[in-house]
Amino acid sequence: MLRTLTAPRLARLAVIVPFGALLVAACEHTSPTSPGPLATIDVTPNPQALAMSAIQPFVATGRDADGVLVSITPTWSVVAGGGAITSGSGLFTAGTATGVFANTVQATSGAISGFATVTVTAPGTLVAISVTPNPGGAAVGATIQFTATGQDATGAVVPISPAPMWSVVAGGGTINSGTGLFTAGATPGTFGNTVRATSGGISGSATAIVTAAPLPGPTLGTAATYGILAGSTVTCVIGGTINADVGVSPGSTTTGFPPCTITGATHLADATAATAQGDLTTAYDALVAMACGTTISADLGGTTLAPGVYCSASSVGVTGTVTLNGQGNANAVFVIQAGSTLTTGSTANIALINGAQAKNVWWQVGSSATLGTGTTFRGNILALTSITLVDNATMLGRALARKAAVSLGTNNTITLP
């Protein structure tokens, strides 16, 4: 039976129908844009240098007028010499005639084509220059030597002739045009592809990283020869070796030597030890006076630090590995200021990379330091109170305590950096 729509029902339908139309329009608006007709084809690599008879696959990418990718299956051809190509796959084989073959590789789909240029060279012909190190790092005012290496189209190393001319194209410093010796400028930063070596029409480049001038480290004076310097006493359980001098002042005792070993001189409560303690105090105070550059969290484990001064008002810990990155500067200085304690976990590691050296790493500790079992420690600890090495902890550095003891467990080794 046909039902007659009353006026209220017609009114409800009048609302429902436009809403449905709007919903359909919204869905259509948010659906992915379909590509339009093919407008351009890009052929890569372009340009491409190849040795005679070398094989190179080329790739064609289609796009519409808005840059949206369009799927294509192009037909390939060679239109200006230089070699042969498989029409269905784009696999190009260089010919035996050398030269630059401009826009010779052609990919065509319908009425649209794209092109790539091929340079065919004889083996041994320079086609590329690489510059090393890349990146290269130097502190403000310091120098670094860059080197250029030539390659032919096969990647083999070939002589660069004429000799490359060096230039700086994006700031960061100056360079000797004949030798490649770069002098870092006054502004720290990363200068991308700024160092350039050019021979004929071939160039290569490298990035220069300019770091701030290195901090002046403290001077240890006569304390520099000591692997251990203590205020009260030095103790060792067994198997310990200190490859340096050992001193105590104003205290006068050591315990455990032998069986533990000291390869250097021992000074107990004498004038030599007292002078060394005075120099230690001067160095400690110099570290305390250094302005903090970066405030650090309680645990440095898993972090990488650039040269600088790092500080914590309380304790500093190392769980796992903390990496100190010298950024290519062998004189880079690292200062870690711990307001109270320094504690490392079992098998903790102070790792040094990119030129960082243990002799330039300084740990200033406001009370006591403890190196956990199996810790591999690098750097100099200058502690106000005491220093403890738990079993199998090793140091490339110094354990220098102003007021109290330096205590070794089993199989500890301390070697001057």
Protein backbone atom coordinates (compact mmCIF):
# COMPACT_ATOMS: atom_id res chain seq x y z
CA MET A 1 0.00 0.00 0.00
CA LEU A 2 1.34 3.43 -0.95
CA ARG A 3 1.78 5.63 2.11
CA THR A 4 1.21 9.33 1.92
CA LEU A 5 4.02 11.45 3.42
CA THR A 6 2.69 13.88 5.93
CA ALA A 7 4.10 17.36 6.32
CA PRO A 8 6.20 16.50 9.43
CA ARG A 9 7.79 13.54 7.64
CA LEU A 10 8.60 15.67 4.62
CA ALA A 11 10.28 18.18 6.91
CA ARG A 12 12.44 15.49 8.49
CA LEU A 13 13.48 14.18 5.07
CA ALA A 14 14.39 17.68 4.00
CA VAL A 15 16.95 17.75 6.81
CA ILE A 16 18.25 14.19 6.35
CA VAL A 17 18.88 14.38 2.61
CA PRO A 18 21.16 17.50 2.63
CA PHE A 19 23.07 16.05 5.62
CA GLY A 20 23.72 12.86 3.69
CA ALA A 21 24.88 14.87 0.70
CA LEU A 22 27.29 16.79 2.92
CA LEU A 23 28.65 13.54 4.37
CA VAL A 24 29.31 12.14 0.89
CA ALA A 25 31.01 15.38 -0.14
CA ALA A 26 33.21 15.33 2.94
CA CYS A 27 34.27 11.76 2.29
CA GLU A 28 35.09 12.62 -1.30
CA HIS A 29 37.09 15.65 -0.17
CA THR A 30 39.23 13.63 2.26
CA SER A 31 39.93 10.74 -0.09
CA PRO A 32 43.46 10.51 -1.53
CA THR A 33 44.11 12.68 -4.57
CA SER A 34 44.31 10.62 -7.74
CA PRO A 35 47.20 11.51 -10.04
CA GLY A 36 46.46 13.55 -13.11
CA PRO A 37 47.80 12.95 -16.59
CA LEU A 38 51.53 12.30 -16.92
CA ALA A 39 53.37 15.60 -17.27
CA THR A 40 57.08 14.91 -16.65
CA ILE A 41 59.58 12.04 -16.50
CA ASP A 42 62.78 12.22 -14.45
CA VAL A 43 65.60 9.86 -15.38
CA THR A 44 68.22 8.99 -12.75
CA PRO A 45 71.12 8.93 -12.19
CA ASN A 46 71.77 12.12 -14.10
CA PRO A 47 74.47 12.88 -15.04
CA GLN A 48 76.35 9.58 -14.84
CA ALA A 49 80.03 8.87 -15.51
CA LEU A 50 80.86 5.36 -16.74
CA ALA A 51 83.94 3.56 -17.87
CA MET A 52 83.91 2.05 -21.32
CA SER A 53 81.69 -1.07 -21.47
CA ALA A 54 80.39 -0.47 -17.94
CA ILE A 55 76.77 -1.35 -17.16
CA GLN A 56 74.37 1.05 -15.42
CA PRO A 57 70.62 0.66 -14.72
CA PHE A 58 68.60 3.83 -15.20
CA VAL A 59 65.27 4.57 -13.49
CA ALA A 60 62.36 6.66 -14.76
CA THR A 61 59.93 8.45 -12.41
CA GLY A 62 56.68 9.92 -13.72
CA ARG A 63 54.76 12.84 -12.18
CA ASP A 64 51.67 14.85 -13.03
CA ALA A 65 51.55 18.64 -13.25
CA ASP A 66 51.22 18.87 -9.44
CA GLY A 67 54.21 16.63 -8.79
CA VAL A 68 52.11 13.60 -7.82
CA LEU A 69 53.70 10.28 -8.76
CA VAL A 70 52.27 8.61 -11.86
CA SER A 71 52.91 4.93 -12.53
CA ILE A 72 54.63 4.43 -15.91
CA THR A 73 56.22 1.65 -17.93
CA PRO A 74 58.56 3.59 -20.20
CA THR A 75 60.28 2.58 -23.37
CA TRP A 76 64.03 3.19 -23.22
CA SER A 77 66.29 4.35 -26.04
CA VAL A 78 69.68 5.96 -26.72
CA VAL A 79 69.32 9.08 -28.85
CA ALA A 80 72.76 10.73 -28.82
CA GLY A 81 75.25 7.85 -28.69
CA GLY A 82 77.45 6.68 -25.87
CA GLY A 83 76.21 3.11 -25.63
CA ALA A 84 73.20 0.83 -25.89
CA ILE A 85 70.17 0.27 -23.67
CA THR A 86 67.58 -2.44 -23.14
CA SER A 87 64.29 -0.89 -24.20
CA GLY A 88 62.19 -2.63 -21.57
CA SER A 89 64.43 -2.41 -18.50
CA GLY A 90 66.63 0.69 -18.82
CA LEU A 91 69.87 -1.33 -18.45
CA PHE A 92 72.53 0.76 -20.20
CA THR A 93 75.89 -0.51 -21.50
CA ALA A 94 78.51 2.15 -22.16
CA GLY A 95 80.19 2.11 -25.53
CA THR A 96 83.90 2.22 -26.34
CA ALA A 97 83.96 5.81 -27.56
CA THR A 98 84.78 8.33 -24.84
CA GLY A 99 83.08 11.66 -24.44
CA VAL A 100 80.11 13.51 -22.96
CA PHE A 101 76.81 12.32 -24.45
CA ALA A 102 74.25 14.94 -23.46
CA ASN A 103 70.65 13.83 -22.87
CA THR A 104 71.34 10.53 -24.57
CA VAL A 105 69.39 8.13 -22.35
CA GLN A 106 65.68 8.62 -23.09
CA ALA A 107 62.65 7.20 -21.27
CA THR A 108 59.33 7.66 -23.11
CA SER A 109 55.74 7.07 -22.08
CA GLY A 110 53.16 8.25 -24.58
CA ALA A 111 54.14 11.74 -25.69
CA ILE A 112 56.27 12.47 -22.60
CA SER A 113 60.03 11.83 -22.38
CA GLY A 114 62.84 12.32 -19.86
CA PHE A 115 66.57 12.29 -20.44
CA ALA A 116 69.93 11.69 -18.73
CA THR A 117 73.48 12.59 -19.74
CA VAL A 118 76.24 9.98 -19.83
CA THR A 119 80.00 10.58 -19.78
CA VAL A 120 82.03 7.64 -21.06
CA THR A 121 85.65 7.56 -19.96
CA ALA A 122 88.65 5.37 -20.52
CA PRO A 123 89.91 3.42 -17.48
CA GLY A 124 92.19 5.63 -15.43
CA THR A 125 90.44 8.88 -16.35
CA LEU A 126 89.69 11.13 -13.38
CA VAL A 127 85.92 11.49 -12.88
CA ALA A 128 85.59 12.13 -9.13
CA ILE A 129 87.52 13.60 -6.20
CA SER A 130 86.96 12.65 -2.56
CA VAL A 131 88.18 14.89 0.25
CA THR A 132 89.16 13.54 3.67
CA PRO A 133 88.65 13.77 6.56
CA ASN A 134 84.95 14.35 6.06
CA PRO A 135 83.88 15.89 8.27
CA GLY A 136 87.11 17.40 9.57
CA GLY A 137 87.22 19.08 12.97
CA ALA A 138 89.45 21.79 14.39
CA ALA A 139 89.23 24.21 17.30
CA VAL A 140 89.09 27.94 16.68
CA GLY A 141 92.45 29.03 15.26
CA ALA A 142 93.75 25.45 14.94
CA THR A 143 94.68 23.73 11.69
CA ILE A 144 93.73 20.47 10.02
CA GLN A 145 95.17 18.87 6.90
CA PHE A 146 92.70 17.90 4.17
CA THR A 147 93.65 15.41 1.45
CA ALA A 148 92.20 14.84 -2.02
CA THR A 149 91.97 11.41 -3.70
CA GLY A 150 91.00 10.87 -7.35
CA GLN A 151 88.87 8.02 -8.73
CA ASP A 152 88.01 6.88 -12.22
CA ALA A 153 84.56 5.68 -13.28
CA THR A 154 85.23 2.21 -11.85
CA GLY A 155 86.11 3.64 -8.44
CA ALA A 156 89.81 2.87 -8.83
CA VAL A 157 92.22 5.44 -7.37
CA VAL A 158 93.91 7.54 -10.06
CA PRO A 159 96.29 10.50 -9.96
CA ILE A 160 94.80 13.99 -9.86
CA SER A 161 96.28 16.02 -12.68
CA PRO A 162 96.61 18.93 -12.63
CA ALA A 163 97.13 19.08 -8.87
CA PRO A 164 93.97 20.16 -7.06
CA MET A 165 93.36 23.75 -6.08
CA TRP A 166 91.87 24.16 -2.62
CA SER A 167 89.22 26.68 -1.64
CA VAL A 168 86.68 27.44 1.09
CA VAL A 169 83.22 28.03 -0.33
CA ALA A 170 80.86 28.14 2.67
CA GLY A 171 82.85 29.78 5.47
CA GLY A 172 84.42 28.27 8.55
CA GLY A 173 88.01 29.36 7.96
CA THR A 174 90.73 29.67 5.36
CA ILE A 175 92.79 27.16 3.40
CA ASN A 176 96.13 27.04 1.68
CA SER A 177 95.17 26.75 -1.99
CA GLY A 178 98.14 24.54 -2.80
CA THR A 179 98.43 22.24 0.22
CA GLY A 180 94.91 21.85 1.65
CA LEU A 181 95.96 23.00 5.15
CA PHE A 182 92.79 24.44 6.69
CA THR A 183 92.84 27.04 9.49
CA ALA A 184 89.62 27.23 11.52
CA GLY A 185 88.01 30.63 11.82
CA ALA A 186 86.79 32.44 14.94
CA THR A 187 83.17 31.22 14.77
CA PRO A 188 82.35 27.71 15.99
CA GLY A 189 79.87 25.75 13.91
CA THR A 190 79.35 23.13 11.21
CA PHE A 191 80.15 24.34 7.71
CA GLY A 192 78.73 21.89 5.20
CA ASN A 193 80.81 21.00 2.13
CA THR A 194 82.92 24.11 2.61
CA VAL A 195 86.36 22.66 1.83
CA ARG A 196 86.67 22.08 -1.92
CA ALA A 197 89.39 20.50 -4.06
CA THR A 198 89.15 21.20 -7.80
CA SER A 199 91.07 19.82 -10.77
CA GLY A 200 89.86 20.90 -14.18
CA GLY A 201 86.10 20.48 -14.13
CA ILE A 202 86.13 17.87 -11.32
CA SER A 203 85.56 18.84 -7.67
CA GLY A 204 85.16 17.16 -4.31
CA SER A 205 84.20 18.68 -0.97
CA ALA A 206 84.18 18.06 2.77
CA THR A 207 82.44 19.52 5.80
CA ALA A 208 84.45 21.41 8.43
CA ILE A 209 83.41 21.43 12.10
CA VAL A 210 84.89 24.35 14.04
CA THR A 211 84.78 23.95 17.82
CA ALA A 212 85.38 26.47 20.55
CA ALA A 213 88.98 26.94 21.66
CA PRO A 214 89.89 24.19 24.14
CA LEU A 215 89.68 24.95 27.82
CA PRO A 216 92.98 25.33 29.62
CA GLY A 217 93.29 22.34 31.91
CA PRO A 218 94.63 22.79 35.45
CA THR A 219 98.33 22.42 36.16
CA LEU A 220 99.23 19.58 38.52
CA GLY A 221 102.78 20.72 39.12
CA THR A 222 104.74 18.19 41.16
CA ALA A 223 101.57 16.11 41.68
CA ALA A 224 101.71 15.08 38.01
CA THR A 225 103.99 12.08 38.66
CA TYR A 226 101.61 10.50 41.19
CA GLY A 227 99.17 7.75 40.35
CA ILE A 228 97.96 7.95 43.95
CA LEU A 229 98.18 10.88 46.32
CA ALA A 230 96.35 10.66 49.65
CA GLY A 231 95.89 12.80 52.74
CA SER A 232 95.78 10.06 55.38
CA THR A 233 96.77 6.61 54.05
CA VAL A 234 96.85 4.30 51.03
CA THR A 235 95.59 0.71 51.33
CA CYS A 236 95.58 -2.24 48.93
CA VAL A 237 94.18 -5.76 49.36
CA ILE A 238 96.05 -7.84 46.77
CA GLY A 239 97.06 -7.84 43.12
CA GLY A 240 97.14 -4.08 42.75
CA THR A 241 99.69 -2.26 40.58
CA ILE A 242 100.36 1.49 40.56
CA ASN A 243 102.50 2.36 37.58
CA ALA A 244 103.54 5.72 39.01
CA ASP A 245 104.59 7.46 42.23
CA VAL A 246 102.56 7.10 45.44
CA GLY A 247 102.47 9.76 48.13
CA VAL A 248 100.77 10.44 51.47
CA SER A 249 100.69 13.79 53.32
CA PRO A 250 100.12 14.76 56.06
CA GLY A 251 99.46 11.06 56.81
CA SER A 252 102.38 8.67 56.78
CA THR A 253 101.23 5.10 56.10
CA THR A 254 100.55 2.60 53.34
CA THR A 255 99.09 -0.88 53.83
CA GLY A 256 99.32 -3.84 51.47
CA PHE A 257 102.59 -2.97 49.68
CA PRO A 258 103.63 -5.74 49.16
CA PRO A 259 101.84 -7.80 47.94
CA CYS A 260 100.57 -4.85 45.87
CA THR A 261 103.18 -3.12 43.68
CA ILE A 262 104.37 0.45 43.20
CA THR A 263 106.63 0.96 40.19
CA GLY A 264 107.52 4.57 41.02
CA ALA A 265 108.75 6.34 44.13
CA THR A 266 106.93 6.35 47.48
CA HIS A 267 106.79 9.53 49.58
CA LEU A 268 105.27 9.32 53.06
CA ALA A 269 104.86 12.51 55.11
CA ASP A 270 108.01 14.05 53.64
CA ALA A 271 108.59 17.43 52.02
CA THR A 272 108.11 16.01 48.54
CA ALA A 273 104.66 14.63 49.38
CA ALA A 274 103.70 17.88 51.12
CA THR A 275 104.64 19.92 48.06
CA ALA A 276 102.64 17.58 45.84
CA GLN A 277 99.61 17.98 48.12
CA GLY A 278 99.98 21.76 47.86
CA ASP A 279 100.01 21.54 44.06
CA LEU A 280 97.00 19.21 44.18
CA THR A 281 95.09 21.78 46.23
CA THR A 282 95.91 24.49 43.68
CA ALA A 283 94.67 22.30 40.82
CA TYR A 284 91.54 21.31 42.73
CA ASP A 285 90.67 24.95 43.43
CA ALA A 286 91.23 25.81 39.75
CA LEU A 287 88.72 23.14 38.73
CA VAL A 288 86.16 24.39 41.26
CA ALA A 289 86.55 27.92 39.90
CA MET A 290 85.75 26.93 36.29
CA ALA A 291 82.38 28.27 35.14
CA CYS A 292 79.81 25.57 34.53
CA GLY A 293 78.91 25.17 30.89
CA THR A 294 76.25 22.43 31.16
CA THR A 295 74.32 21.17 34.17
CA ILE A 296 74.14 17.37 34.16
CA SER A 297 71.81 14.81 35.67
CA ALA A 298 72.82 12.38 38.35
CA ASP A 299 73.75 9.57 35.91
CA LEU A 300 75.92 10.11 32.85
CA GLY A 301 75.55 6.54 31.62
CA GLY A 302 74.52 6.30 27.98
CA THR A 303 75.43 9.89 27.16
CA THR A 304 78.05 11.41 24.86
CA LEU A 305 79.77 14.62 25.95
CA ALA A 306 81.58 17.19 23.85
CA PRO A 307 84.52 19.12 25.34
CA GLY A 308 83.47 21.52 28.07
CA VAL A 309 82.68 21.98 31.75
CA TYR A 310 79.83 19.88 33.17
CA CYS A 311 78.51 20.28 36.70
CA SER A 312 76.16 18.74 39.22
CA ALA A 313 75.40 20.39 42.57
CA SER A 314 75.18 16.93 44.15
CA SER A 315 76.34 13.49 43.05
CA VAL A 316 77.45 12.18 39.65
CA GLY A 317 77.06 8.55 38.63
CA VAL A 318 78.10 6.46 35.65
CA THR A 319 76.01 3.36 34.89
CA GLY A 320 77.15 1.68 31.70
CA THR A 321 79.20 3.86 29.36
CA VAL A 322 79.71 7.60 29.09
CA THR A 323 81.48 8.64 25.88
CA LEU A 324 83.73 11.67 25.67
CA ASN A 325 84.00 12.94 22.09
CA GLY A 326 87.14 14.95 21.33
CA GLN A 327 85.68 16.03 17.95
CA GLY A 328 89.04 15.54 16.26
CA ASN A 329 90.94 17.73 18.75
CA ALA A 330 93.67 15.94 20.72
CA ASN A 331 93.80 18.88 23.17
CA ALA A 332 90.08 18.81 23.99
CA VAL A 333 89.46 19.28 27.72
CA PHE A 334 86.60 17.73 29.70
CA VAL A 335 85.80 18.86 33.25
CA ILE A 336 83.10 17.14 35.33
CA GLN A 337 82.33 18.86 38.62
CA ALA A 338 80.51 16.74 41.21
CA GLY A 339 79.27 18.72 44.20
CA SER A 340 79.37 15.64 46.46
CA THR A 341 80.16 12.10 45.27
CA LEU A 342 81.25 10.32 42.12
CA THR A 343 80.10 6.68 41.83
CA THR A 344 80.44 4.25 38.93
CA GLY A 345 78.46 1.04 38.55
CA SER A 346 79.85 -2.43 37.92
CA THR A 347 81.68 -2.64 34.57
CA ALA A 348 81.11 1.06 33.94
CA ASN A 349 83.23 2.55 31.18
CA ILE A 350 84.58 6.01 30.43
CA ALA A 351 85.06 5.78 26.65
CA LEU A 352 87.16 8.23 24.64
CA ILE A 353 86.61 8.86 20.91
CA ASN A 354 87.73 11.22 18.14
CA GLY A 355 90.99 12.30 19.75
CA ALA A 356 89.90 12.65 23.37
CA GLN A 357 92.73 11.78 25.78
CA ALA A 358 92.59 10.65 29.40
CA LYS A 359 95.20 13.22 30.44
CA ASN A 360 92.73 15.99 29.51
CA VAL A 361 89.78 14.57 31.46
CA TRP A 362 89.23 16.01 34.96
CA TRP A 363 86.79 14.79 37.60
CA GLN A 364 86.51 17.25 40.50
CA VAL A 365 84.70 15.57 43.41
CA GLY A 366 83.36 17.56 46.37
CA SER A 367 83.59 14.61 48.79
CA SER A 368 84.42 11.00 47.83
CA ALA A 369 84.70 8.89 44.66
CA THR A 370 84.00 5.16 44.32
CA LEU A 371 84.82 3.15 41.20
CA GLY A 372 82.61 0.05 41.07
CA THR A 373 83.68 -3.52 40.33
CA GLY A 374 85.30 -3.90 36.92
CA THR A 375 85.05 -0.20 36.05
CA THR A 376 87.28 0.99 33.20
CA PHE A 377 88.02 4.56 34.18
CA ARG A 378 89.82 7.22 32.17
CA GLY A 379 90.75 10.60 33.55
CA ASN A 380 92.07 12.27 36.67
CA ILE A 381 90.04 12.22 39.89
CA LEU A 382 90.73 15.12 42.24
CA ALA A 383 88.65 14.45 45.36
CA LEU A 384 88.35 16.59 48.48
CA THR A 385 88.02 13.54 50.75
CA SER A 386 88.65 9.95 49.62
CA ILE A 387 88.84 7.63 46.60
CA THR A 388 87.97 3.90 46.53
CA LEU A 389 88.59 1.36 43.75
CA VAL A 390 86.51 -1.80 44.12
CA ASP A 391 87.83 -5.15 42.79
CA ASN A 392 89.12 -5.21 39.19
CA ALA A 393 88.54 -1.50 38.60
CA THR A 394 91.28 0.06 36.47
CA MET A 395 92.33 3.65 35.87
CA LEU A 396 94.15 5.36 33.05
CA GLY A 397 94.62 8.51 35.06
CA ARG A 398 95.26 9.55 38.65
CA ALA A 399 93.56 9.03 42.03
CA LEU A 400 94.37 12.20 43.98
CA ALA A 401 92.68 12.69 47.37
CA ARG A 402 93.34 15.82 49.43
CA LYS A 403 92.22 14.91 52.95
CA ALA A 404 91.62 11.18 53.43
CA ALA A 405 92.50 7.74 52.08
CA VAL A 406 92.86 6.12 48.69
CA SER A 407 91.73 2.49 49.04
CA LEU A 408 92.28 -0.33 46.53
CA GLY A 409 90.58 -3.73 46.55
CA THR A 410 91.75 -6.71 44.49
CA ASN A 411 93.48 -6.55 41.11
CA ASN A 412 93.32 -2.81 40.59
CA THR A 413 95.64 -1.06 38.16
CA ILE A 414 96.45 2.65 37.92
CA THR A 415 98.55 3.92 35.00
CA LEU A 416 99.45 7.53 34.26
CA PRO A 417 97.74 8.87 31.13
